[in-house]
Amino acid sequence: MKFLLGLAIGFLLVTIGASLKCEVCTGSGNSCSGPMETCDNDTCAISVSETTVGGMQAQIIAKSCESSNICKDRTQLLNFGQGQELRTGITCCVGEACKTATPQVPPRINQPNGKQCPACFSLLSGVCDPNETVDCVGPQNDCLEMAVMVSYGTVIIKVVQKGCATKGFCDGLKLGETTVSGFYSHVTKAECVPASRPA
């Protein structure tokens, strides 16, 4: 269940002009298919993510309509400590170009950048250790804090996530509700602040 929930959270984290039509879908692996939808935004986006939760990895793909702002930071990296992470590569496209676009999961970066954030990946209890921190790597210059209520059928789980994030992910944060693969999620808190260097 923890892995499925982590996968659903990965879907959630990943899914964030003129009369444009984009294919809209999410799926596991590196392909998905869905309906063509008319979009209010100015680009189509395809993202491929690799999420690691509880020592298990899964690859997720999402195709959506987005603002072209998402195209500025095509690599999104999250690190919640204790091996819990999400790495996402994004490709923006319009029309026929979307049929051949192939985003790649960015490689793991292990070199710390000297900054730290509070760390937490709490399922069920929603409680975090206030003393736990994680070292940020590469372009992770922000500290993320998210609170999400996830339900699947009659099961309701409170999820709290704290860790290092890249600017592109923080710029796309939004509160609200979504349903992916039967998982209903309500993001109640989503904030980023600049990461700091330990004293």
N, C-alpha and C. Protein backbone atom coordinates (compact mmCIF):
# COMPACT_ATOMS: atom_id res chain seq x y z
N MET A 1 0.83 -1.20 0.00
CA MET A 1 0.00 0.00 0.00
C MET A 1 0.87 1.26 0.00
N LYS A 2 1.99 1.21 0.80
CA LYS A 2 2.86 2.39 0.86
C LYS A 2 3.42 2.71 -0.52
N PHE A 3 3.80 1.65 -1.28
CA PHE A 3 4.35 1.89 -2.61
C PHE A 3 3.29 2.47 -3.54
N LEU A 4 2.06 1.92 -3.51
CA LEU A 4 0.98 2.44 -4.35
C LEU A 4 0.68 3.89 -4.01
N LEU A 5 0.69 4.19 -2.71
CA LEU A 5 0.44 5.57 -2.29
C LEU A 5 1.57 6.47 -2.78
N GLY A 6 2.80 6.01 -2.67
CA GLY A 6 3.94 6.78 -3.16
C GLY A 6 3.83 7.02 -4.65
N LEU A 7 3.36 6.00 -5.38
CA LEU A 7 3.18 6.13 -6.82
C LEU A 7 2.11 7.18 -7.12
N ALA A 8 1.01 7.15 -6.34
CA ALA A 8 -0.07 8.13 -6.54
C ALA A 8 0.43 9.54 -6.24
N ILE A 9 1.26 9.67 -5.21
CA ILE A 9 1.80 10.98 -4.87
C ILE A 9 2.73 11.45 -5.99
N GLY A 10 3.47 10.51 -6.57
CA GLY A 10 4.31 10.85 -7.72
C GLY A 10 3.48 11.38 -8.86
N PHE A 11 2.35 10.72 -9.14
CA PHE A 11 1.43 11.21 -10.17
C PHE A 11 0.98 12.61 -9.82
N LEU A 12 0.64 12.81 -8.54
CA LEU A 12 0.14 14.11 -8.11
C LEU A 12 1.20 15.18 -8.31
N LEU A 13 2.51 14.79 -7.83
CA LEU A 13 3.55 15.79 -7.94
C LEU A 13 3.86 16.14 -9.40
N VAL A 14 3.74 15.17 -10.23
CA VAL A 14 4.08 15.40 -11.61
C VAL A 14 3.02 16.20 -12.33
N THR A 15 1.73 16.07 -12.06
CA THR A 15 0.64 16.64 -12.83
C THR A 15 0.44 18.12 -12.46
N ILE A 16 1.10 18.85 -12.65
CA ILE A 16 0.80 20.25 -12.46
C ILE A 16 0.54 21.04 -13.90
N GLY A 17 -3.15 30.09 -23.93
CA GLY A 17 -3.00 30.60 -25.29
C GLY A 17 -4.19 30.44 -26.24
N ALA A 18 -3.80 30.03 -27.27
CA ALA A 18 -4.82 29.87 -28.31
C ALA A 18 -5.54 28.54 -28.09
N SER A 19 -6.45 28.25 -28.98
CA SER A 19 -7.21 27.01 -28.89
C SER A 19 -6.29 25.85 -29.28
N LEU A 20 -5.60 25.33 -28.30
CA LEU A 20 -4.60 24.29 -28.48
C LEU A 20 -5.18 22.96 -28.04
N LYS A 21 -4.85 21.90 -28.74
CA LYS A 21 -5.29 20.57 -28.32
C LYS A 21 -4.07 19.77 -27.88
N CYS A 22 -4.19 19.15 -26.70
CA CYS A 22 -3.12 18.32 -26.16
C CYS A 22 -3.69 16.98 -25.72
N GLU A 23 -2.89 15.94 -25.88
CA GLU A 23 -3.27 14.65 -25.31
C GLU A 23 -3.10 14.75 -23.80
N VAL A 24 -4.06 14.23 -23.04
CA VAL A 24 -4.02 14.30 -21.58
C VAL A 24 -4.13 12.89 -21.02
N CYS A 25 -3.11 12.47 -20.27
CA CYS A 25 -3.13 11.13 -19.67
C CYS A 25 -2.04 11.03 -18.62
N THR A 26 -2.14 10.01 -17.79
CA THR A 26 -1.06 9.63 -16.87
C THR A 26 -0.96 8.12 -16.90
N GLY A 27 0.21 7.61 -16.62
CA GLY A 27 0.38 6.16 -16.59
C GLY A 27 1.71 5.78 -16.01
N SER A 28 1.86 4.50 -15.74
CA SER A 28 3.15 4.01 -15.26
C SER A 28 3.98 3.60 -16.46
N GLY A 29 5.29 3.62 -16.28
CA GLY A 29 6.19 3.30 -17.39
C GLY A 29 6.52 4.54 -18.19
N ASN A 30 6.72 4.38 -19.51
CA ASN A 30 7.13 5.52 -20.33
C ASN A 30 6.15 5.86 -21.45
N SER A 31 4.91 5.34 -21.36
CA SER A 31 3.91 5.72 -22.36
C SER A 31 2.53 5.71 -21.74
N CYS A 32 1.67 6.57 -22.29
CA CYS A 32 0.27 6.59 -21.91
C CYS A 32 -0.51 7.15 -23.08
N SER A 33 -1.80 6.90 -23.13
CA SER A 33 -2.63 7.47 -24.17
C SER A 33 -3.93 7.95 -23.56
N GLY A 34 -4.42 9.05 -24.10
CA GLY A 34 -5.64 9.63 -23.58
C GLY A 34 -6.30 10.51 -24.61
N PRO A 35 -7.39 11.16 -24.23
CA PRO A 35 -8.12 12.00 -25.18
C PRO A 35 -7.36 13.28 -25.50
N MET A 36 -7.63 13.81 -26.69
CA MET A 36 -7.13 15.13 -27.05
C MET A 36 -8.10 16.15 -26.45
N GLU A 37 -7.58 17.07 -25.66
CA GLU A 37 -8.42 18.06 -25.00
C GLU A 37 -8.03 19.46 -25.45
N THR A 38 -9.04 20.32 -25.60
CA THR A 38 -8.78 21.72 -25.91
C THR A 38 -8.28 22.40 -24.64
N CYS A 39 -7.19 23.15 -24.77
CA CYS A 39 -6.52 23.71 -23.60
C CYS A 39 -6.60 25.23 -23.59
N ASP A 40 -6.65 25.78 -22.41
CA ASP A 40 -6.61 27.23 -22.23
C ASP A 40 -5.18 27.74 -22.14
N ASN A 41 -4.22 26.83 -21.93
CA ASN A 41 -2.82 27.23 -21.82
C ASN A 41 -2.16 27.26 -23.20
N ASP A 42 -0.84 27.53 -23.23
CA ASP A 42 -0.19 27.76 -24.52
C ASP A 42 0.79 26.68 -24.96
N THR A 43 0.88 25.55 -24.24
CA THR A 43 1.75 24.48 -24.69
C THR A 43 1.26 23.14 -24.15
N CYS A 44 1.68 22.09 -24.82
CA CYS A 44 1.49 20.74 -24.30
C CYS A 44 2.79 20.37 -23.59
N ALA A 45 2.68 19.55 -22.58
CA ALA A 45 3.87 19.12 -21.86
C ALA A 45 3.82 17.61 -21.64
N ILE A 46 4.97 16.99 -21.77
CA ILE A 46 5.12 15.57 -21.47
C ILE A 46 6.20 15.47 -20.40
N SER A 47 5.86 14.84 -19.28
CA SER A 47 6.85 14.68 -18.21
C SER A 47 7.02 13.20 -17.90
N VAL A 48 8.27 12.83 -17.66
CA VAL A 48 8.59 11.47 -17.23
C VAL A 48 9.31 11.59 -15.90
N SER A 49 8.81 10.85 -14.91
CA SER A 49 9.36 10.94 -13.56
C SER A 49 9.76 9.58 -13.05
N GLU A 50 10.74 9.58 -12.18
CA GLU A 50 11.08 8.37 -11.44
C GLU A 50 10.94 8.71 -9.96
N THR A 51 10.07 7.98 -9.29
CA THR A 51 9.84 8.21 -7.87
C THR A 51 10.41 7.05 -7.09
N THR A 52 11.03 7.35 -5.97
CA THR A 52 11.57 6.33 -5.08
C THR A 52 10.90 6.50 -3.73
N VAL A 53 10.20 5.47 -3.30
CA VAL A 53 9.50 5.48 -2.01
C VAL A 53 9.72 4.13 -1.35
N GLY A 54 10.17 4.15 -0.12
CA GLY A 54 10.36 2.90 0.61
C GLY A 54 11.31 1.94 -0.07
N GLY A 55 12.31 2.49 -0.78
CA GLY A 55 13.30 1.66 -1.44
C GLY A 55 12.85 1.10 -2.78
N MET A 56 11.62 1.38 -3.19
CA MET A 56 11.12 0.89 -4.47
C MET A 56 11.00 2.04 -5.45
N GLN A 57 11.31 1.76 -6.73
CA GLN A 57 11.27 2.78 -7.77
C GLN A 57 10.14 2.51 -8.75
N ALA A 58 9.58 3.58 -9.27
CA ALA A 58 8.56 3.46 -10.31
C ALA A 58 8.72 4.63 -11.27
N GLN A 59 8.47 4.38 -12.54
CA GLN A 59 8.51 5.44 -13.53
C GLN A 59 7.08 5.82 -13.89
N ILE A 60 6.85 7.12 -14.03
CA ILE A 60 5.52 7.68 -14.28
C ILE A 60 5.61 8.63 -15.46
N ILE A 61 4.59 8.61 -16.31
CA ILE A 61 4.51 9.57 -17.41
C ILE A 61 3.21 10.35 -17.30
N ALA A 62 3.26 11.62 -17.66
CA ALA A 62 2.06 12.45 -17.68
C ALA A 62 2.11 13.34 -18.92
N LYS A 63 0.98 13.45 -19.60
CA LYS A 63 0.83 14.37 -20.73
C LYS A 63 -0.29 15.33 -20.36
N SER A 64 -0.04 16.64 -20.56
CA SER A 64 -1.01 17.62 -20.08
C SER A 64 -0.90 18.92 -20.86
N CYS A 65 -1.84 19.83 -20.58
CA CYS A 65 -1.82 21.20 -21.09
C CYS A 65 -1.18 22.05 -20.01
N GLU A 66 -0.25 22.90 -20.37
CA GLU A 66 0.45 23.70 -19.37
C GLU A 66 0.73 25.11 -19.88
N SER A 67 1.09 25.97 -18.96
CA SER A 67 1.63 27.27 -19.32
C SER A 67 3.08 27.06 -19.76
N SER A 68 3.53 27.82 -20.74
CA SER A 68 4.91 27.66 -21.21
C SER A 68 5.93 28.02 -20.14
N ASN A 69 5.50 28.60 -19.03
CA ASN A 69 6.43 28.86 -17.91
C ASN A 69 7.09 27.58 -17.43
N ILE A 70 6.37 26.45 -17.54
CA ILE A 70 6.92 25.18 -17.08
C ILE A 70 8.12 24.76 -17.91
N CYS A 71 8.24 25.31 -19.10
CA CYS A 71 9.32 24.91 -20.01
C CYS A 71 10.66 25.53 -19.62
N LYS A 72 10.66 26.53 -18.76
CA LYS A 72 11.91 27.20 -18.37
C LYS A 72 12.80 26.28 -17.55
N ASP A 73 12.21 25.48 -16.68
CA ASP A 73 12.97 24.58 -15.82
C ASP A 73 12.52 23.16 -16.11
N ARG A 74 13.17 22.53 -17.08
CA ARG A 74 12.71 21.23 -17.56
C ARG A 74 13.16 20.06 -16.69
N THR A 75 14.01 20.34 -15.72
CA THR A 75 14.44 19.31 -14.78
C THR A 75 13.92 19.68 -13.40
N GLN A 76 13.18 18.77 -12.80
CA GLN A 76 12.63 19.01 -11.47
C GLN A 76 13.09 17.89 -10.55
N LEU A 77 13.70 18.29 -9.42
CA LEU A 77 14.26 17.32 -8.48
C LEU A 77 13.73 17.60 -7.08
N LEU A 78 13.22 16.56 -6.42
CA LEU A 78 12.77 16.65 -5.04
C LEU A 78 13.52 15.60 -4.22
N ASN A 79 13.86 15.95 -2.99
CA ASN A 79 14.54 15.02 -2.10
C ASN A 79 13.98 15.21 -0.70
N PHE A 80 13.31 14.15 -0.18
CA PHE A 80 12.68 14.23 1.14
C PHE A 80 13.51 13.54 2.22
N GLY A 81 14.72 13.10 1.89
CA GLY A 81 15.56 12.41 2.85
C GLY A 81 15.22 10.93 2.93
N GLN A 82 16.11 10.16 3.53
CA GLN A 82 15.96 8.73 3.73
C GLN A 82 15.61 8.00 2.43
N GLY A 83 16.21 8.45 1.33
CA GLY A 83 16.03 7.77 0.05
C GLY A 83 14.72 8.04 -0.66
N GLN A 84 13.90 8.95 -0.15
CA GLN A 84 12.62 9.28 -0.79
C GLN A 84 12.86 10.46 -1.74
N GLU A 85 12.65 10.25 -3.04
CA GLU A 85 12.93 11.32 -3.99
C GLU A 85 12.04 11.22 -5.23
N LEU A 86 12.02 12.31 -5.98
CA LEU A 86 11.30 12.36 -7.25
C LEU A 86 12.16 13.14 -8.23
N ARG A 87 12.44 12.54 -9.41
CA ARG A 87 13.19 13.21 -10.47
C ARG A 87 12.32 13.25 -11.72
N THR A 88 12.16 14.45 -12.30
CA THR A 88 11.26 14.62 -13.44
C THR A 88 11.94 15.38 -14.57
N GLY A 89 11.78 14.89 -15.79
CA GLY A 89 12.20 15.59 -16.99
C GLY A 89 10.98 15.99 -17.79
N ILE A 90 10.94 17.22 -18.28
CA ILE A 90 9.77 17.76 -18.98
C ILE A 90 10.16 18.19 -20.40
N THR A 91 9.31 17.84 -21.36
CA THR A 91 9.44 18.32 -22.73
C THR A 91 8.17 19.07 -23.09
N CYS A 92 8.31 20.26 -23.64
CA CYS A 92 7.17 21.04 -24.10
C CYS A 92 7.07 20.90 -25.61
N CYS A 93 5.84 20.85 -26.12
CA CYS A 93 5.64 20.64 -27.55
C CYS A 93 4.26 21.13 -27.97
N VAL A 94 4.08 21.25 -29.29
CA VAL A 94 2.79 21.65 -29.86
C VAL A 94 2.55 20.81 -31.10
N GLY A 95 1.34 20.32 -31.27
CA GLY A 95 0.95 19.61 -32.50
C GLY A 95 1.71 18.31 -32.73
N GLU A 96 2.15 18.13 -33.97
CA GLU A 96 2.80 16.88 -34.39
C GLU A 96 4.09 16.60 -33.62
N ALA A 97 4.76 17.65 -33.15
CA ALA A 97 6.01 17.47 -32.41
C ALA A 97 5.81 16.63 -31.15
N CYS A 98 4.60 16.64 -30.60
CA CYS A 98 4.33 15.87 -29.38
C CYS A 98 4.37 14.36 -29.63
N LYS A 99 4.18 13.95 -30.88
CA LYS A 99 4.18 12.51 -31.18
C LYS A 99 5.56 11.90 -31.09
N THR A 100 6.60 12.71 -31.26
CA THR A 100 7.96 12.19 -31.22
C THR A 100 8.77 12.72 -30.02
N ALA A 101 8.16 13.56 -29.19
CA ALA A 101 8.88 14.10 -28.03
C ALA A 101 9.16 12.99 -27.02
N THR A 102 10.39 12.94 -26.53
CA THR A 102 10.78 11.87 -25.60
C THR A 102 11.58 12.45 -24.44
N PRO A 103 10.90 12.95 -23.42
CA PRO A 103 11.63 13.45 -22.25
C PRO A 103 12.33 12.30 -21.53
N GLN A 104 13.41 12.63 -20.86
CA GLN A 104 14.19 11.62 -20.13
C GLN A 104 14.19 11.96 -18.64
N VAL A 105 14.19 10.93 -17.81
CA VAL A 105 14.35 11.15 -16.37
C VAL A 105 15.76 11.69 -16.14
N PRO A 106 15.90 12.82 -15.46
CA PRO A 106 17.25 13.36 -15.23
C PRO A 106 18.07 12.43 -14.35
N PRO A 107 19.38 12.42 -14.55
CA PRO A 107 20.22 11.56 -13.71
C PRO A 107 20.21 12.03 -12.26
N ARG A 108 20.47 11.08 -11.38
CA ARG A 108 20.56 11.41 -9.95
C ARG A 108 21.82 12.24 -9.71
N ILE A 109 21.69 13.30 -8.93
CA ILE A 109 22.82 14.15 -8.55
C ILE A 109 23.15 13.86 -7.09
N ASN A 110 24.38 13.54 -6.82
CA ASN A 110 24.78 13.20 -5.45
C ASN A 110 25.63 14.28 -4.79
N GLN A 111 26.08 15.28 -5.55
CA GLN A 111 26.97 16.30 -5.01
C GLN A 111 26.18 17.35 -4.24
N PRO A 112 26.35 17.45 -2.90
CA PRO A 112 25.63 18.46 -2.12
C PRO A 112 26.02 19.87 -2.57
N ASN A 113 25.09 20.81 -2.49
CA ASN A 113 25.37 22.19 -2.86
C ASN A 113 25.59 23.08 -1.63
N GLY A 114 25.66 22.47 -0.44
CA GLY A 114 25.93 23.22 0.78
C GLY A 114 24.69 23.72 1.50
N LYS A 115 23.51 23.48 0.94
CA LYS A 115 22.27 23.94 1.57
C LYS A 115 21.52 22.76 2.17
N GLN A 116 20.68 23.07 3.16
CA GLN A 116 19.89 22.03 3.83
C GLN A 116 18.45 22.48 3.98
N CYS A 117 17.56 21.49 4.14
CA CYS A 117 16.15 21.75 4.39
C CYS A 117 15.64 20.78 5.45
N PRO A 118 14.56 21.14 6.14
CA PRO A 118 13.88 20.15 6.97
C PRO A 118 13.45 18.99 6.08
N ALA A 119 13.48 17.76 6.61
CA ALA A 119 13.16 16.58 5.81
C ALA A 119 12.03 15.79 6.46
N CYS A 120 11.14 15.29 5.61
CA CYS A 120 10.05 14.45 6.11
C CYS A 120 9.34 13.79 4.94
N PHE A 121 8.97 12.55 5.10
CA PHE A 121 8.06 11.87 4.19
C PHE A 121 7.18 11.01 5.09
N SER A 122 6.11 11.60 5.58
CA SER A 122 5.28 10.96 6.58
C SER A 122 3.97 10.48 5.98
N LEU A 123 3.74 9.19 6.07
CA LEU A 123 2.48 8.61 5.65
C LEU A 123 1.70 8.20 6.91
N LEU A 124 0.43 8.32 6.86
CA LEU A 124 -0.48 7.93 7.93
C LEU A 124 -0.49 8.91 9.08
N SER A 125 0.61 9.03 9.83
CA SER A 125 0.59 9.86 11.04
C SER A 125 0.59 11.35 10.74
N GLY A 126 1.23 11.76 9.64
CA GLY A 126 1.35 13.18 9.34
C GLY A 126 2.29 13.91 10.28
N VAL A 127 3.08 13.14 11.04
CA VAL A 127 3.99 13.73 12.03
C VAL A 127 5.43 13.63 11.51
N CYS A 128 6.18 14.72 11.67
CA CYS A 128 7.57 14.76 11.23
C CYS A 128 8.50 14.98 12.41
N ASP A 129 9.72 14.48 12.30
CA ASP A 129 10.76 14.75 13.29
C ASP A 129 11.29 16.15 13.02
N PRO A 130 11.12 17.10 13.97
CA PRO A 130 11.53 18.48 13.71
C PRO A 130 13.04 18.65 13.57
N ASN A 131 13.82 17.64 13.95
CA ASN A 131 15.29 17.75 13.87
C ASN A 131 15.87 17.12 12.61
N GLU A 132 15.04 16.46 11.81
CA GLU A 132 15.57 15.78 10.62
C GLU A 132 15.79 16.78 9.49
N THR A 133 16.96 16.67 8.84
CA THR A 133 17.28 17.54 7.70
C THR A 133 17.79 16.69 6.55
N VAL A 134 17.82 17.30 5.38
CA VAL A 134 18.36 16.64 4.20
C VAL A 134 19.28 17.62 3.49
N ASP A 135 20.39 17.10 2.95
CA ASP A 135 21.32 17.93 2.19
C ASP A 135 20.77 18.11 0.77
N CYS A 136 20.70 19.34 0.32
CA CYS A 136 20.25 19.63 -1.04
C CYS A 136 21.39 19.38 -2.02
N VAL A 137 21.04 19.03 -3.24
CA VAL A 137 22.05 18.73 -4.26
C VAL A 137 21.79 19.56 -5.51
N GLY A 138 22.85 19.78 -6.29
CA GLY A 138 22.72 20.44 -7.58
C GLY A 138 21.88 21.70 -7.53
N PRO A 139 20.81 21.79 -8.36
CA PRO A 139 19.99 23.01 -8.44
C PRO A 139 18.88 23.09 -7.39
N GLN A 140 18.90 22.23 -6.38
CA GLN A 140 17.88 22.29 -5.33
C GLN A 140 18.22 23.44 -4.38
N ASN A 141 17.56 24.57 -4.58
CA ASN A 141 17.84 25.77 -3.78
C ASN A 141 16.66 26.22 -2.93
N ASP A 142 15.59 25.42 -2.91
CA ASP A 142 14.40 25.77 -2.14
C ASP A 142 14.01 24.63 -1.22
N CYS A 143 13.34 24.99 -0.12
CA CYS A 143 12.78 24.01 0.81
C CYS A 143 11.28 23.94 0.57
N LEU A 144 10.79 22.75 0.36
CA LEU A 144 9.38 22.49 0.07
C LEU A 144 8.70 21.93 1.31
N GLU A 145 7.46 22.37 1.54
CA GLU A 145 6.60 21.74 2.54
C GLU A 145 5.23 21.55 1.92
N MET A 146 4.77 20.28 1.89
CA MET A 146 3.45 19.96 1.33
C MET A 146 2.67 19.11 2.31
N ALA A 147 1.37 19.35 2.36
CA ALA A 147 0.45 18.50 3.12
C ALA A 147 -0.66 18.09 2.16
N VAL A 148 -0.92 16.79 2.11
CA VAL A 148 -1.89 16.24 1.16
C VAL A 148 -2.76 15.22 1.87
N MET A 149 -4.06 15.29 1.63
CA MET A 149 -4.98 14.24 2.07
C MET A 149 -5.25 13.36 0.85
N VAL A 150 -4.91 12.08 0.97
CA VAL A 150 -5.08 11.14 -0.13
C VAL A 150 -6.12 10.11 0.27
N SER A 151 -7.09 9.86 -0.60
CA SER A 151 -8.07 8.81 -0.31
C SER A 151 -8.21 7.88 -1.49
N TYR A 152 -8.42 6.62 -1.17
CA TYR A 152 -8.67 5.58 -2.17
C TYR A 152 -9.79 4.73 -1.60
N GLY A 153 -10.99 4.89 -2.16
CA GLY A 153 -12.16 4.22 -1.59
C GLY A 153 -12.45 4.82 -0.22
N THR A 154 -12.48 3.98 0.80
CA THR A 154 -12.76 4.46 2.17
C THR A 154 -11.49 4.73 2.96
N VAL A 155 -10.33 4.47 2.37
CA VAL A 155 -9.06 4.70 3.07
C VAL A 155 -8.62 6.15 2.87
N ILE A 156 -8.37 6.84 3.97
CA ILE A 156 -7.93 8.24 3.92
C ILE A 156 -6.58 8.33 4.63
N ILE A 157 -5.61 8.92 3.97
CA ILE A 157 -4.25 9.00 4.51
C ILE A 157 -3.76 10.44 4.44
N LYS A 158 -3.18 10.90 5.54
CA LYS A 158 -2.57 12.22 5.57
C LYS A 158 -1.09 12.07 5.25
N VAL A 159 -0.63 12.85 4.29
CA VAL A 159 0.76 12.79 3.85
C VAL A 159 1.40 14.15 4.08
N VAL A 160 2.56 14.17 4.72
CA VAL A 160 3.33 15.40 4.90
C VAL A 160 4.70 15.16 4.27
N GLN A 161 5.11 16.11 3.41
CA GLN A 161 6.40 16.01 2.73
C GLN A 161 7.17 17.30 2.94
N LYS A 162 8.43 17.16 3.36
CA LYS A 162 9.33 18.30 3.48
C LYS A 162 10.66 17.89 2.89
N GLY A 163 11.30 18.81 2.17
CA GLY A 163 12.60 18.48 1.60
C GLY A 163 13.09 19.54 0.65
N CYS A 164 14.13 19.19 -0.08
CA CYS A 164 14.76 20.09 -1.05
C CYS A 164 14.03 20.00 -2.39
N ALA A 165 13.93 21.14 -3.07
CA ALA A 165 13.23 21.19 -4.35
C ALA A 165 13.92 22.17 -5.29
N THR A 166 13.71 21.95 -6.59
CA THR A 166 14.20 22.89 -7.58
C THR A 166 13.17 23.99 -7.81
N LYS A 167 13.62 25.12 -8.34
CA LYS A 167 12.76 26.27 -8.57
C LYS A 167 11.57 25.93 -9.47
N GLY A 168 11.81 25.13 -10.51
CA GLY A 168 10.75 24.79 -11.44
C GLY A 168 9.58 24.09 -10.76
N PHE A 169 9.89 23.21 -9.82
CA PHE A 169 8.81 22.53 -9.10
C PHE A 169 8.07 23.53 -8.21
N CYS A 170 8.81 24.35 -7.51
CA CYS A 170 8.18 25.33 -6.60
C CYS A 170 7.29 26.31 -7.38
N ASP A 171 7.74 26.73 -8.56
CA ASP A 171 6.95 27.67 -9.36
C ASP A 171 5.61 27.08 -9.79
N GLY A 172 5.53 25.75 -9.87
CA GLY A 172 4.31 25.11 -10.32
C GLY A 172 3.38 24.64 -9.21
N LEU A 173 3.72 24.95 -7.97
CA LEU A 173 2.90 24.49 -6.84
C LEU A 173 1.51 25.10 -6.88
N LYS A 174 0.53 24.29 -6.51
CA LYS A 174 -0.83 24.83 -6.40
C LYS A 174 -1.63 23.97 -5.43
N LEU A 175 -2.53 24.64 -4.73
CA LEU A 175 -3.45 23.95 -3.83
C LEU A 175 -4.61 23.42 -4.66
N GLY A 176 -5.34 22.47 -4.09
CA GLY A 176 -6.54 22.00 -4.77
C GLY A 176 -6.67 20.50 -4.78
N GLU A 177 -7.61 20.05 -5.60
CA GLU A 177 -7.99 18.65 -5.63
C GLU A 177 -7.73 18.05 -7.00
N THR A 178 -7.39 16.76 -7.01
CA THR A 178 -7.20 16.05 -8.27
C THR A 178 -7.50 14.57 -8.04
N THR A 179 -7.85 13.87 -9.09
CA THR A 179 -8.06 12.42 -9.02
C THR A 179 -7.21 11.77 -10.09
N VAL A 180 -6.36 10.84 -9.68
CA VAL A 180 -5.48 10.12 -10.61
C VAL A 180 -5.55 8.63 -10.28
N SER A 181 -5.92 7.83 -11.27
CA SER A 181 -5.97 6.37 -11.12
C SER A 181 -6.74 5.93 -9.88
N GLY A 182 -7.84 6.60 -9.60
CA GLY A 182 -8.67 6.22 -8.46
C GLY A 182 -8.26 6.83 -7.15
N PHE A 183 -7.09 7.48 -7.11
CA PHE A 183 -6.65 8.15 -5.90
C PHE A 183 -7.12 9.60 -5.92
N TYR A 184 -7.88 10.00 -4.91
CA TYR A 184 -8.32 11.39 -4.78
C TYR A 184 -7.34 12.10 -3.85
N SER A 185 -6.83 13.24 -4.28
CA SER A 185 -5.85 13.98 -3.48
C SER A 185 -6.29 15.42 -3.31
N HIS A 186 -6.12 15.91 -2.10
CA HIS A 186 -6.43 17.31 -1.80
C HIS A 186 -5.18 17.93 -1.17
N VAL A 187 -4.52 18.80 -1.93
CA VAL A 187 -3.32 19.47 -1.43
C VAL A 187 -3.77 20.64 -0.57
N THR A 188 -3.47 20.58 0.73
CA THR A 188 -3.91 21.62 1.66
C THR A 188 -2.80 22.61 2.00
N LYS A 189 -1.56 22.23 1.74
CA LYS A 189 -0.44 23.14 1.97
C LYS A 189 0.63 22.87 0.93
N ALA A 190 1.17 23.92 0.33
CA ALA A 190 2.22 23.77 -0.67
C ALA A 190 3.03 25.06 -0.67
N GLU A 191 4.17 25.02 -0.01
CA GLU A 191 4.99 26.24 0.14
C GLU A 191 6.46 25.93 -0.11
N CYS A 192 7.15 26.91 -0.65
CA CYS A 192 8.61 26.84 -0.80
C CYS A 192 9.23 28.09 -0.21
N VAL A 193 10.35 27.90 0.45
CA VAL A 193 11.15 29.03 0.95
C VAL A 193 12.60 28.75 0.55
N PRO A 194 13.43 29.79 0.43
CA PRO A 194 14.84 29.57 0.06
C PRO A 194 15.54 28.66 1.07
N ALA A 195 16.33 27.72 0.57
CA ALA A 195 17.12 26.85 1.44
C ALA A 195 18.26 27.64 2.06
N SER A 196 18.71 27.20 3.22
CA SER A 196 19.78 27.90 3.92
C SER A 196 20.99 27.00 4.09
N ARG A 197 22.11 27.63 4.34
CA ARG A 197 23.34 26.88 4.64
C ARG A 197 23.42 26.68 6.14
N PRO A 198 23.79 25.45 6.58
CA PRO A 198 23.88 25.22 8.03
C PRO A 198 24.92 26.12 8.67
N ALA A 199 24.65 26.51 9.90
CA ALA A 199 25.57 27.43 10.61
C ALA A 199 26.86 26.70 10.99
